[in-house]
């Protein structure tokens, strides 16, 4: 996907939006490269359905092995992902934002109150990143020695969304914040419920 178009509609944008659009204009020529497409395919493992399958698999392994720690890890992962997905969905319905690939393709950027539900207008925030961060942090609660790898995988998924022109950097940052917030909420709920 190459384009010599300059994106319009950013005249009254914030400095963050200006930076996001500049990143989109810089990365879009590489979006069709094989390495970027492969990275995008790998990052799709952090989409909703694969993450639900992974969390379910962790719970199933824990049940088969009768390992309470693994069951607890899977439960944390599933609950954190569910909450992150719900929070991300609320924000996506409140905000319309043109995805980077669509902004470059059409030559126009828009961010405003949520009125549209098409893919091209639901860039904000990154759901892949929200889910990946929530699940990685939840897994790390039970397996802290694996935290660097889990969190690096979530960070790579977020970076891939920018490189493949599906999201702006600020979409990824907000998605990561939503994922972290969801996981902290679930952790507190689990700690509270374990007292009773």
N, C-alpha and C. Protein backbone atom coordinates (compact mmCIF):
# COMPACT_ATOMS: atom_id res chain seq x y z
N UNK A 1 0.85 -1.16 0.00
CA UNK A 1 0.00 0.00 0.00
C UNK A 1 0.90 1.23 0.00
N UNK A 2 1.15 1.76 -1.17
CA UNK A 2 1.96 2.97 -1.21
C UNK A 2 1.09 4.12 -1.64
N UNK A 3 1.42 5.29 -1.16
CA UNK A 3 0.63 6.46 -1.48
C UNK A 3 1.49 7.70 -1.36
N UNK A 4 1.31 8.60 -2.33
CA UNK A 4 1.99 9.89 -2.26
C UNK A 4 1.06 10.95 -1.72
N UNK A 5 -0.15 10.56 -1.33
CA UNK A 5 -1.13 11.51 -0.81
C UNK A 5 -0.69 12.07 0.53
N UNK A 6 -1.02 13.31 0.74
CA UNK A 6 -0.85 13.90 2.06
C UNK A 6 -2.21 13.83 2.74
N UNK A 7 -2.22 13.47 3.99
CA UNK A 7 -3.48 13.30 4.71
C UNK A 7 -4.02 14.66 5.12
N UNK A 8 -5.27 14.93 4.76
CA UNK A 8 -5.92 16.18 5.15
C UNK A 8 -6.77 15.94 6.39
N UNK A 9 -7.26 17.01 6.97
CA UNK A 9 -8.15 16.91 8.12
C UNK A 9 -7.43 16.97 9.44
N UNK A 10 -6.12 17.25 9.41
CA UNK A 10 -5.35 17.31 10.65
C UNK A 10 -4.99 18.75 11.03
N UNK A 11 -5.60 19.72 10.37
CA UNK A 11 -5.28 21.12 10.65
C UNK A 11 -5.60 21.51 12.08
N UNK A 12 -6.72 21.03 12.61
CA UNK A 12 -7.11 21.38 13.98
C UNK A 12 -6.82 20.25 14.96
N UNK A 13 -5.91 19.35 14.58
CA UNK A 13 -5.58 18.20 15.42
C UNK A 13 -4.61 18.60 16.52
N UNK A 14 -4.54 17.75 17.54
CA UNK A 14 -3.60 17.96 18.63
C UNK A 14 -2.20 17.57 18.19
N UNK A 15 -1.22 17.90 19.00
CA UNK A 15 0.17 17.52 18.69
C UNK A 15 0.32 16.01 18.63
N UNK A 16 -0.40 15.30 19.50
CA UNK A 16 -0.34 13.83 19.48
C UNK A 16 -0.91 13.30 18.17
N UNK A 17 -2.04 13.85 17.75
CA UNK A 17 -2.62 13.41 16.48
C UNK A 17 -1.69 13.71 15.31
N UNK A 18 -1.07 14.88 15.32
CA UNK A 18 -0.11 15.22 14.27
C UNK A 18 1.01 14.19 14.21
N UNK A 19 1.53 13.82 15.38
CA UNK A 19 2.61 12.82 15.43
C UNK A 19 2.11 11.47 14.94
N UNK A 20 0.91 11.09 15.35
CA UNK A 20 0.33 9.81 14.90
C UNK A 20 0.20 9.76 13.39
N UNK A 21 -0.31 10.84 12.80
CA UNK A 21 -0.50 10.88 11.35
C UNK A 21 0.86 10.85 10.64
N UNK A 22 1.85 11.52 11.21
CA UNK A 22 3.20 11.49 10.61
C UNK A 22 3.75 10.06 10.62
N UNK A 23 3.51 9.32 11.70
CA UNK A 23 3.95 7.92 11.77
C UNK A 23 3.21 7.11 10.70
N UNK A 24 1.92 7.33 10.55
CA UNK A 24 1.14 6.60 9.54
C UNK A 24 1.68 6.87 8.14
N UNK A 25 1.96 8.13 7.84
CA UNK A 25 2.48 8.47 6.52
C UNK A 25 3.85 7.84 6.29
N UNK A 26 4.64 7.70 7.36
CA UNK A 26 5.98 7.12 7.22
C UNK A 26 5.95 5.60 7.10
N UNK A 27 4.99 4.95 7.75
CA UNK A 27 4.97 3.48 7.76
C UNK A 27 4.15 2.86 6.64
N UNK A 28 3.20 3.58 6.09
CA UNK A 28 2.30 2.98 5.10
C UNK A 28 3.02 2.42 3.87
N UNK A 29 4.13 2.99 3.41
CA UNK A 29 4.80 2.37 2.26
C UNK A 29 5.31 0.96 2.52
N UNK A 30 5.46 0.59 3.79
CA UNK A 30 6.00 -0.72 4.14
C UNK A 30 4.91 -1.73 4.51
N UNK A 31 3.66 -1.31 4.54
CA UNK A 31 2.57 -2.16 5.01
C UNK A 31 2.38 -3.42 4.17
N UNK A 32 2.74 -3.36 2.89
CA UNK A 32 2.55 -4.52 2.01
C UNK A 32 3.79 -5.41 1.92
N UNK A 33 4.85 -5.08 2.62
CA UNK A 33 6.05 -5.91 2.59
C UNK A 33 5.78 -7.24 3.31
N UNK A 34 6.41 -8.27 2.83
CA UNK A 34 6.18 -9.61 3.37
C UNK A 34 6.47 -9.68 4.87
N UNK A 35 7.55 -9.07 5.32
CA UNK A 35 7.90 -9.13 6.75
C UNK A 35 6.82 -8.48 7.60
N UNK A 36 6.27 -7.37 7.13
CA UNK A 36 5.21 -6.67 7.88
C UNK A 36 3.94 -7.50 7.87
N UNK A 37 3.62 -8.11 6.74
CA UNK A 37 2.44 -8.97 6.67
C UNK A 37 2.58 -10.17 7.61
N UNK A 38 3.77 -10.76 7.67
CA UNK A 38 4.00 -11.89 8.59
C UNK A 38 3.90 -11.44 10.04
N UNK A 39 4.45 -10.27 10.35
CA UNK A 39 4.34 -9.73 11.70
C UNK A 39 2.88 -9.50 12.05
N UNK A 40 2.11 -9.00 11.10
CA UNK A 40 0.68 -8.80 11.31
C UNK A 40 -0.05 -10.10 11.58
N UNK A 41 0.32 -11.14 10.82
CA UNK A 41 -0.30 -12.46 11.04
C UNK A 41 0.01 -12.98 12.45
N UNK A 42 1.25 -12.81 12.89
CA UNK A 42 1.62 -13.23 14.24
C UNK A 42 0.86 -12.44 15.30
N UNK A 43 0.70 -11.14 15.06
CA UNK A 43 0.01 -10.30 16.05
C UNK A 43 -1.47 -10.64 16.13
N UNK A 44 -2.00 -11.30 15.11
CA UNK A 44 -3.41 -11.68 15.15
C UNK A 44 -3.69 -12.74 16.21
N UNK A 45 -2.64 -13.35 16.75
CA UNK A 45 -2.84 -14.28 17.87
C UNK A 45 -3.30 -13.54 19.12
N UNK A 46 -3.19 -12.21 19.12
CA UNK A 46 -3.67 -11.44 20.26
C UNK A 46 -5.04 -10.82 19.99
N UNK A 47 -5.70 -11.29 18.94
CA UNK A 47 -7.08 -10.86 18.70
C UNK A 47 -7.98 -11.60 19.70
N UNK A 48 -9.23 -11.22 19.77
CA UNK A 48 -10.13 -11.73 20.81
C UNK A 48 -10.23 -13.26 20.82
N UNK A 49 -10.58 -13.85 19.69
CA UNK A 49 -10.83 -15.30 19.67
C UNK A 49 -9.59 -16.11 20.04
N UNK A 50 -8.41 -15.82 19.46
CA UNK A 50 -7.23 -16.59 19.87
C UNK A 50 -6.90 -16.43 21.36
N UNK A 51 -7.10 -15.23 21.91
CA UNK A 51 -6.82 -15.05 23.33
C UNK A 51 -7.83 -15.81 24.19
N UNK A 52 -9.09 -15.84 23.78
CA UNK A 52 -10.07 -16.65 24.51
C UNK A 52 -9.66 -18.12 24.47
N UNK A 53 -9.23 -18.59 23.30
CA UNK A 53 -8.80 -19.99 23.17
C UNK A 53 -7.59 -20.26 24.05
N UNK A 54 -6.64 -19.35 24.07
CA UNK A 54 -5.43 -19.54 24.89
C UNK A 54 -5.76 -19.57 26.37
N UNK A 55 -6.62 -18.66 26.81
CA UNK A 55 -6.97 -18.64 28.23
C UNK A 55 -7.75 -19.90 28.61
N UNK A 56 -8.63 -20.33 27.72
CA UNK A 56 -9.37 -21.57 27.96
C UNK A 56 -8.44 -22.77 28.02
N UNK A 57 -7.42 -22.76 27.17
CA UNK A 57 -6.45 -23.86 27.17
C UNK A 57 -5.66 -23.90 28.48
N UNK A 58 -5.30 -22.74 29.00
CA UNK A 58 -4.57 -22.70 30.27
C UNK A 58 -5.44 -23.26 31.40
N UNK A 59 -6.70 -22.87 31.42
CA UNK A 59 -7.62 -23.40 32.42
C UNK A 59 -7.76 -24.91 32.27
N UNK A 60 -7.91 -25.38 31.04
CA UNK A 60 -8.07 -26.82 30.79
C UNK A 60 -6.84 -27.60 31.24
N UNK A 61 -5.65 -27.08 30.95
CA UNK A 61 -4.42 -27.74 31.38
C UNK A 61 -4.39 -27.81 32.91
N UNK A 62 -4.75 -26.70 33.55
CA UNK A 62 -4.79 -26.68 35.01
C UNK A 62 -5.75 -27.70 35.57
N UNK A 63 -6.91 -27.84 34.94
CA UNK A 63 -7.89 -28.82 35.41
C UNK A 63 -7.39 -30.25 35.23
N UNK A 64 -6.80 -30.53 34.06
CA UNK A 64 -6.28 -31.87 33.80
C UNK A 64 -5.16 -32.22 34.78
N UNK A 65 -4.28 -31.25 35.03
CA UNK A 65 -3.15 -31.49 35.94
C UNK A 65 -3.52 -31.32 37.41
N UNK A 66 -4.74 -30.83 37.65
CA UNK A 66 -5.19 -30.52 39.01
C UNK A 66 -4.22 -29.56 39.70
N UNK A 67 -3.85 -28.53 38.92
CA UNK A 67 -2.87 -27.54 39.38
C UNK A 67 -3.61 -26.23 39.63
N UNK A 68 -3.82 -25.91 40.89
CA UNK A 68 -4.58 -24.71 41.26
C UNK A 68 -3.94 -23.43 40.74
N UNK A 69 -2.63 -23.38 40.72
CA UNK A 69 -1.93 -22.17 40.24
C UNK A 69 -2.22 -21.93 38.76
N UNK A 70 -2.20 -22.99 37.96
CA UNK A 70 -2.47 -22.85 36.52
C UNK A 70 -3.93 -22.51 36.28
N UNK A 71 -4.82 -23.10 37.04
CA UNK A 71 -6.25 -22.76 36.92
C UNK A 71 -6.45 -21.28 37.27
N UNK A 72 -5.81 -20.85 38.34
CA UNK A 72 -5.92 -19.45 38.76
C UNK A 72 -5.35 -18.52 37.69
N UNK A 73 -4.22 -18.90 37.09
CA UNK A 73 -3.62 -18.09 36.02
C UNK A 73 -4.58 -17.96 34.85
N UNK A 74 -5.14 -19.08 34.42
CA UNK A 74 -6.08 -19.05 33.30
C UNK A 74 -7.33 -18.25 33.61
N UNK A 75 -7.82 -18.38 34.84
CA UNK A 75 -9.00 -17.61 35.26
C UNK A 75 -8.69 -16.12 35.26
N UNK A 76 -7.53 -15.75 35.78
CA UNK A 76 -7.12 -14.34 35.76
C UNK A 76 -7.02 -13.84 34.32
N UNK A 77 -6.40 -14.64 33.46
CA UNK A 77 -6.23 -14.25 32.07
C UNK A 77 -7.58 -14.04 31.39
N UNK A 78 -8.49 -14.99 31.57
CA UNK A 78 -9.80 -14.90 30.93
C UNK A 78 -10.59 -13.70 31.45
N UNK A 79 -10.62 -13.53 32.76
CA UNK A 79 -11.38 -12.41 33.34
C UNK A 79 -10.78 -11.07 32.93
N UNK A 80 -9.46 -10.97 32.93
CA UNK A 80 -8.81 -9.72 32.53
C UNK A 80 -9.08 -9.40 31.07
N UNK A 81 -9.04 -10.44 30.23
CA UNK A 81 -9.31 -10.23 28.80
C UNK A 81 -10.77 -9.81 28.58
N UNK A 82 -11.69 -10.46 29.27
CA UNK A 82 -13.11 -10.09 29.14
C UNK A 82 -13.33 -8.62 29.54
N UNK A 83 -12.74 -8.21 30.66
CA UNK A 83 -12.92 -6.83 31.11
C UNK A 83 -12.24 -5.85 30.16
N UNK A 84 -11.04 -6.17 29.70
CA UNK A 84 -10.34 -5.30 28.75
C UNK A 84 -11.14 -5.14 27.46
N UNK A 85 -11.72 -6.24 26.99
CA UNK A 85 -12.53 -6.20 25.77
C UNK A 85 -13.77 -5.33 25.96
N UNK A 86 -14.39 -5.46 27.12
CA UNK A 86 -15.58 -4.64 27.40
C UNK A 86 -15.22 -3.16 27.48
N UNK A 87 -14.16 -2.83 28.19
CA UNK A 87 -13.74 -1.42 28.31
C UNK A 87 -13.34 -0.85 26.95
N UNK A 88 -12.59 -1.63 26.19
CA UNK A 88 -12.19 -1.20 24.85
C UNK A 88 -13.42 -0.94 23.97
N UNK A 89 -14.42 -1.81 24.09
CA UNK A 89 -15.63 -1.64 23.30
C UNK A 89 -16.37 -0.36 23.64
N UNK A 90 -16.43 -0.01 24.92
CA UNK A 90 -17.08 1.23 25.33
C UNK A 90 -16.38 2.43 24.70
N UNK A 91 -15.05 2.44 24.78
CA UNK A 91 -14.30 3.57 24.23
C UNK A 91 -14.45 3.64 22.72
N UNK A 92 -14.40 2.49 22.04
CA UNK A 92 -14.55 2.48 20.58
C UNK A 92 -15.90 3.06 20.15
N UNK A 93 -16.94 2.82 20.94
CA UNK A 93 -18.25 3.36 20.58
C UNK A 93 -18.35 4.85 20.85
N UNK A 94 -17.50 5.36 21.72
CA UNK A 94 -17.52 6.79 22.04
C UNK A 94 -16.68 7.63 21.08
N UNK A 95 -15.74 7.00 20.38
CA UNK A 95 -14.79 7.75 19.55
C UNK A 95 -14.74 7.17 18.15
N UNK A 96 -14.88 8.03 17.15
CA UNK A 96 -14.59 7.67 15.76
C UNK A 96 -13.19 8.17 15.45
N UNK A 97 -12.36 7.31 14.91
CA UNK A 97 -11.04 7.73 14.46
C UNK A 97 -10.67 6.93 13.23
N UNK A 98 -10.29 7.63 12.18
CA UNK A 98 -9.91 6.97 10.95
C UNK A 98 -8.66 6.13 11.18
N UNK A 99 -8.70 4.88 10.75
CA UNK A 99 -7.51 4.04 10.86
C UNK A 99 -6.41 4.58 9.94
N UNK A 100 -5.14 4.33 10.29
CA UNK A 100 -4.05 4.89 9.48
C UNK A 100 -4.10 4.45 8.02
N UNK A 101 -4.36 3.17 7.76
CA UNK A 101 -4.39 2.73 6.37
C UNK A 101 -5.52 3.40 5.59
N UNK A 102 -6.66 3.61 6.23
CA UNK A 102 -7.78 4.28 5.58
C UNK A 102 -7.49 5.77 5.39
N UNK A 103 -6.84 6.39 6.37
CA UNK A 103 -6.51 7.82 6.26
C UNK A 103 -5.56 8.05 5.09
N UNK A 104 -4.59 7.19 4.94
CA UNK A 104 -3.64 7.33 3.83
C UNK A 104 -4.32 7.00 2.51
N UNK A 105 -5.10 5.93 2.49
CA UNK A 105 -5.79 5.50 1.26
C UNK A 105 -6.75 6.59 0.76
N UNK A 106 -7.50 7.21 1.69
CA UNK A 106 -8.50 8.21 1.31
C UNK A 106 -7.99 9.63 1.36
N UNK A 107 -6.79 9.80 1.95
CA UNK A 107 -6.21 11.14 2.04
C UNK A 107 -6.88 12.03 3.06
N UNK A 108 -7.64 11.44 4.01
CA UNK A 108 -8.34 12.25 5.00
C UNK A 108 -8.34 11.57 6.36
N UNK A 109 -8.08 12.36 7.39
CA UNK A 109 -8.07 11.90 8.78
C UNK A 109 -9.23 12.55 9.53
N UNK A 110 -9.86 11.78 10.41
CA UNK A 110 -10.95 12.33 11.23
C UNK A 110 -10.90 11.69 12.61
N UNK A 111 -11.13 12.51 13.64
CA UNK A 111 -11.34 12.00 14.99
C UNK A 111 -12.45 12.83 15.61
N UNK A 112 -13.46 12.14 16.15
CA UNK A 112 -14.59 12.84 16.74
C UNK A 112 -15.44 11.89 17.56
N UNK A 113 -16.61 12.36 17.95
CA UNK A 113 -17.49 11.52 18.77
C UNK A 113 -17.99 10.33 17.95
N UNK A 114 -18.23 9.23 18.65
CA UNK A 114 -18.58 7.98 18.00
C UNK A 114 -19.94 7.99 17.34
N UNK A 115 -19.93 7.80 16.02
CA UNK A 115 -21.17 7.72 15.26
C UNK A 115 -21.10 6.61 14.22
N UNK A 116 -19.90 6.08 13.96
CA UNK A 116 -19.72 5.09 12.90
C UNK A 116 -19.14 3.82 13.49
N UNK A 117 -19.45 2.68 12.85
CA UNK A 117 -19.00 1.40 13.36
C UNK A 117 -18.17 0.61 12.35
N UNK A 118 -17.93 1.19 11.17
CA UNK A 118 -17.13 0.49 10.17
C UNK A 118 -15.67 0.41 10.62
N UNK A 119 -14.97 -0.61 10.16
CA UNK A 119 -13.58 -0.83 10.53
C UNK A 119 -12.73 0.42 10.30
N UNK A 120 -12.93 1.09 9.18
CA UNK A 120 -12.09 2.25 8.84
C UNK A 120 -12.20 3.39 9.84
N UNK A 121 -13.21 3.38 10.69
CA UNK A 121 -13.43 4.49 11.62
C UNK A 121 -13.31 4.08 13.09
N UNK A 122 -12.81 2.86 13.37
CA UNK A 122 -12.73 2.44 14.77
C UNK A 122 -11.30 2.12 15.20
N UNK A 123 -10.41 3.02 14.90
CA UNK A 123 -9.00 2.83 15.24
C UNK A 123 -8.72 2.94 16.73
N UNK A 124 -9.47 3.76 17.42
CA UNK A 124 -9.15 4.11 18.81
C UNK A 124 -10.03 3.38 19.80
N UNK A 125 -9.47 2.66 20.76
CA UNK A 125 -8.07 2.28 20.97
C UNK A 125 -7.79 0.92 20.35
N UNK A 126 -6.57 0.43 20.50
CA UNK A 126 -6.18 -0.87 19.95
C UNK A 126 -6.68 -2.01 20.83
N UNK A 127 -7.60 -2.79 20.30
CA UNK A 127 -8.12 -3.95 21.04
C UNK A 127 -7.10 -5.06 21.17
N UNK A 128 -6.29 -5.28 20.10
CA UNK A 128 -5.24 -6.28 20.17
C UNK A 128 -4.32 -5.99 21.37
N UNK A 129 -3.94 -4.72 21.51
CA UNK A 129 -3.01 -4.35 22.57
C UNK A 129 -3.67 -4.47 23.94
N UNK A 130 -4.91 -4.03 24.05
CA UNK A 130 -5.62 -4.12 25.33
C UNK A 130 -5.68 -5.57 25.80
N UNK A 131 -6.08 -6.48 24.91
CA UNK A 131 -6.17 -7.88 25.27
C UNK A 131 -4.82 -8.49 25.58
N UNK A 132 -3.82 -8.18 24.76
CA UNK A 132 -2.49 -8.75 24.96
C UNK A 132 -1.89 -8.32 26.30
N UNK A 133 -2.03 -7.04 26.63
CA UNK A 133 -1.48 -6.54 27.89
C UNK A 133 -2.23 -7.14 29.08
N UNK A 134 -3.55 -7.18 28.99
CA UNK A 134 -4.35 -7.74 30.09
C UNK A 134 -3.96 -9.20 30.36
N UNK A 135 -3.86 -9.99 29.31
CA UNK A 135 -3.55 -11.41 29.46
C UNK A 135 -2.11 -11.60 29.93
N UNK A 136 -1.18 -10.84 29.38
CA UNK A 136 0.23 -10.97 29.78
C UNK A 136 0.42 -10.61 31.25
N UNK A 137 -0.20 -9.53 31.68
CA UNK A 137 -0.08 -9.13 33.08
C UNK A 137 -0.75 -10.15 34.01
N UNK A 138 -1.90 -10.67 33.59
CA UNK A 138 -2.60 -11.66 34.42
C UNK A 138 -1.77 -12.92 34.56
N UNK A 139 -1.19 -13.39 33.47
CA UNK A 139 -0.33 -14.57 33.51
C UNK A 139 0.87 -14.32 34.42
N UNK A 140 1.43 -13.13 34.32
CA UNK A 140 2.62 -12.76 35.10
C UNK A 140 2.35 -12.72 36.60
N UNK A 141 1.12 -12.50 37.00
CA UNK A 141 0.79 -12.49 38.44
C UNK A 141 1.08 -13.85 39.06
N UNK A 142 0.75 -14.91 38.32
CA UNK A 142 0.96 -16.26 38.83
C UNK A 142 2.33 -16.81 38.48
N UNK A 143 2.89 -16.34 37.38
CA UNK A 143 4.19 -16.82 36.92
C UNK A 143 5.13 -15.63 36.69
N UNK A 144 5.58 -14.98 37.76
CA UNK A 144 6.38 -13.76 37.61
C UNK A 144 7.71 -13.97 36.88
N UNK A 145 8.27 -15.16 36.93
CA UNK A 145 9.53 -15.39 36.21
C UNK A 145 9.34 -15.32 34.70
N UNK A 146 8.12 -15.56 34.24
CA UNK A 146 7.84 -15.48 32.80
C UNK A 146 7.34 -14.08 32.39
N UNK A 147 7.27 -13.16 33.33
CA UNK A 147 6.75 -11.81 33.04
C UNK A 147 7.50 -11.11 31.92
N UNK A 148 8.83 -11.11 31.89
CA UNK A 148 9.51 -10.40 30.79
C UNK A 148 9.09 -10.89 29.41
N UNK A 149 9.01 -12.21 29.24
CA UNK A 149 8.61 -12.75 27.94
C UNK A 149 7.15 -12.42 27.63
N UNK A 150 6.27 -12.57 28.62
CA UNK A 150 4.84 -12.28 28.40
C UNK A 150 4.63 -10.82 28.05
N UNK A 151 5.27 -9.93 28.79
CA UNK A 151 5.10 -8.49 28.54
C UNK A 151 5.77 -8.06 27.24
N UNK A 152 6.91 -8.67 26.91
CA UNK A 152 7.57 -8.37 25.63
C UNK A 152 6.68 -8.80 24.46
N UNK A 153 6.01 -9.93 24.61
CA UNK A 153 5.09 -10.40 23.55
C UNK A 153 3.93 -9.42 23.37
N UNK A 154 3.40 -8.92 24.48
CA UNK A 154 2.31 -7.93 24.40
C UNK A 154 2.80 -6.65 23.75
N UNK A 155 4.01 -6.21 24.11
CA UNK A 155 4.57 -5.00 23.51
C UNK A 155 4.79 -5.19 22.01
N UNK A 156 5.27 -6.36 21.61
CA UNK A 156 5.48 -6.64 20.19
C UNK A 156 4.16 -6.62 19.43
N UNK A 157 3.11 -7.15 20.05
CA UNK A 157 1.80 -7.12 19.41
C UNK A 157 1.34 -5.69 19.19
N UNK A 158 1.53 -4.84 20.19
CA UNK A 158 1.16 -3.43 20.05
C UNK A 158 1.96 -2.74 18.97
N UNK A 159 3.26 -2.97 18.95
CA UNK A 159 4.12 -2.36 17.93
C UNK A 159 3.70 -2.80 16.53
N UNK A 160 3.33 -4.07 16.41
CA UNK A 160 2.91 -4.60 15.11
C UNK A 160 1.69 -3.86 14.57
N UNK A 161 0.80 -3.43 15.47
CA UNK A 161 -0.40 -2.72 15.02
C UNK A 161 -0.05 -1.40 14.35
N UNK A 162 1.02 -0.77 14.83
CA UNK A 162 1.47 0.49 14.24
C UNK A 162 2.18 0.22 12.92
N UNK A 163 3.06 -0.75 12.92
CA UNK A 163 3.86 -1.05 11.73
C UNK A 163 2.97 -1.51 10.58
N UNK A 164 1.91 -2.24 10.88
CA UNK A 164 1.02 -2.74 9.82
C UNK A 164 -0.06 -1.72 9.45
N UNK A 165 -0.01 -0.54 10.04
CA UNK A 165 -0.92 0.58 9.73
C UNK A 165 -2.36 0.30 10.12
N UNK A 166 -2.56 -0.49 11.16
CA UNK A 166 -3.91 -0.72 11.69
C UNK A 166 -4.25 0.27 12.79
N UNK A 167 -3.22 0.77 13.48
CA UNK A 167 -3.42 1.70 14.60
C UNK A 167 -2.32 2.74 14.64
N UNK A 168 -2.65 3.86 15.27
CA UNK A 168 -1.67 4.91 15.55
C UNK A 168 -0.97 4.58 16.87
N UNK A 169 0.21 5.15 17.10
CA UNK A 169 0.89 4.90 18.38
C UNK A 169 0.02 5.22 19.60
N UNK A 170 -0.74 6.30 19.56
CA UNK A 170 -1.57 6.64 20.74
C UNK A 170 -2.71 5.64 20.94
N UNK A 171 -3.20 5.01 19.86
CA UNK A 171 -4.21 3.94 19.99
C UNK A 171 -3.63 2.79 20.80
N UNK A 172 -2.37 2.47 20.52
CA UNK A 172 -1.69 1.36 21.18
C UNK A 172 -1.42 1.70 22.65
N UNK A 173 -0.99 2.93 22.91
CA UNK A 173 -0.72 3.34 24.30
C UNK A 173 -2.00 3.29 25.12
N UNK A 174 -3.10 3.81 24.58
CA UNK A 174 -4.37 3.78 25.31
C UNK A 174 -4.86 2.34 25.46
N UNK A 175 -4.70 1.53 24.41
CA UNK A 175 -5.08 0.12 24.51
C UNK A 175 -4.30 -0.59 25.61
N UNK A 176 -3.00 -0.31 25.70
CA UNK A 176 -2.18 -0.90 26.75
C UNK A 176 -2.66 -0.45 28.13
N UNK A 177 -3.02 0.83 28.24
CA UNK A 177 -3.54 1.33 29.51
C UNK A 177 -4.84 0.65 29.91
N UNK A 178 -5.71 0.42 28.94
CA UNK A 178 -6.97 -0.27 29.21
C UNK A 178 -6.69 -1.70 29.67
N UNK A 179 -5.78 -2.38 28.99
CA UNK A 179 -5.44 -3.74 29.38
C UNK A 179 -4.87 -3.81 30.78
N UNK A 180 -3.97 -2.87 31.10
CA UNK A 180 -3.39 -2.83 32.44
C UNK A 180 -4.44 -2.53 33.49
N UNK A 181 -5.31 -1.58 33.21
CA UNK A 181 -6.37 -1.22 34.15
C UNK A 181 -7.31 -2.40 34.39
N UNK A 182 -7.67 -3.10 33.33
CA UNK A 182 -8.55 -4.26 33.46
C UNK A 182 -7.90 -5.33 34.33
N UNK A 183 -6.62 -5.58 34.09
CA UNK A 183 -5.94 -6.62 34.87
C UNK A 183 -5.82 -6.24 36.34
N UNK A 184 -5.54 -4.97 36.62
CA UNK A 184 -5.47 -4.52 38.02
C UNK A 184 -6.83 -4.68 38.69
N UNK A 185 -7.89 -4.33 37.96
CA UNK A 185 -9.24 -4.48 38.51
C UNK A 185 -9.56 -5.93 38.85
N UNK A 186 -9.20 -6.84 37.94
CA UNK A 186 -9.46 -8.26 38.19
C UNK A 186 -8.59 -8.77 39.34
N UNK A 187 -7.34 -8.33 39.40
CA UNK A 187 -6.47 -8.74 40.50
C UNK A 187 -7.07 -8.32 41.84
N UNK A 188 -7.53 -7.09 41.92
CA UNK A 188 -8.13 -6.62 43.17
C UNK A 188 -9.38 -7.39 43.52
N UNK A 189 -10.19 -7.68 42.51
CA UNK A 189 -11.41 -8.46 42.74
C UNK A 189 -11.06 -9.86 43.23
N UNK A 190 -10.07 -10.49 42.65
CA UNK A 190 -9.69 -11.84 43.07
C UNK A 190 -9.09 -11.83 44.48
N UNK A 191 -8.32 -10.80 44.79
CA UNK A 191 -7.76 -10.70 46.15
C UNK A 191 -8.88 -10.49 47.17
N UNK A 192 -9.84 -9.64 46.81
CA UNK A 192 -10.97 -9.38 47.71
C UNK A 192 -11.81 -10.64 47.90
N UNK A 193 -12.08 -11.35 46.81
CA UNK A 193 -12.93 -12.54 46.91
C UNK A 193 -12.24 -13.68 47.64
N UNK A 194 -10.91 -13.72 47.62
CA UNK A 194 -10.19 -14.80 48.31
C UNK A 194 -10.25 -14.65 49.83
N UNK A 195 -10.65 -13.48 50.31
CA UNK A 195 -10.77 -13.27 51.75
C UNK A 195 -12.05 -13.87 52.31
N UNK A 196 -13.00 -14.19 51.41
CA UNK A 196 -14.32 -14.66 51.87
C UNK A 196 -14.56 -16.10 51.48
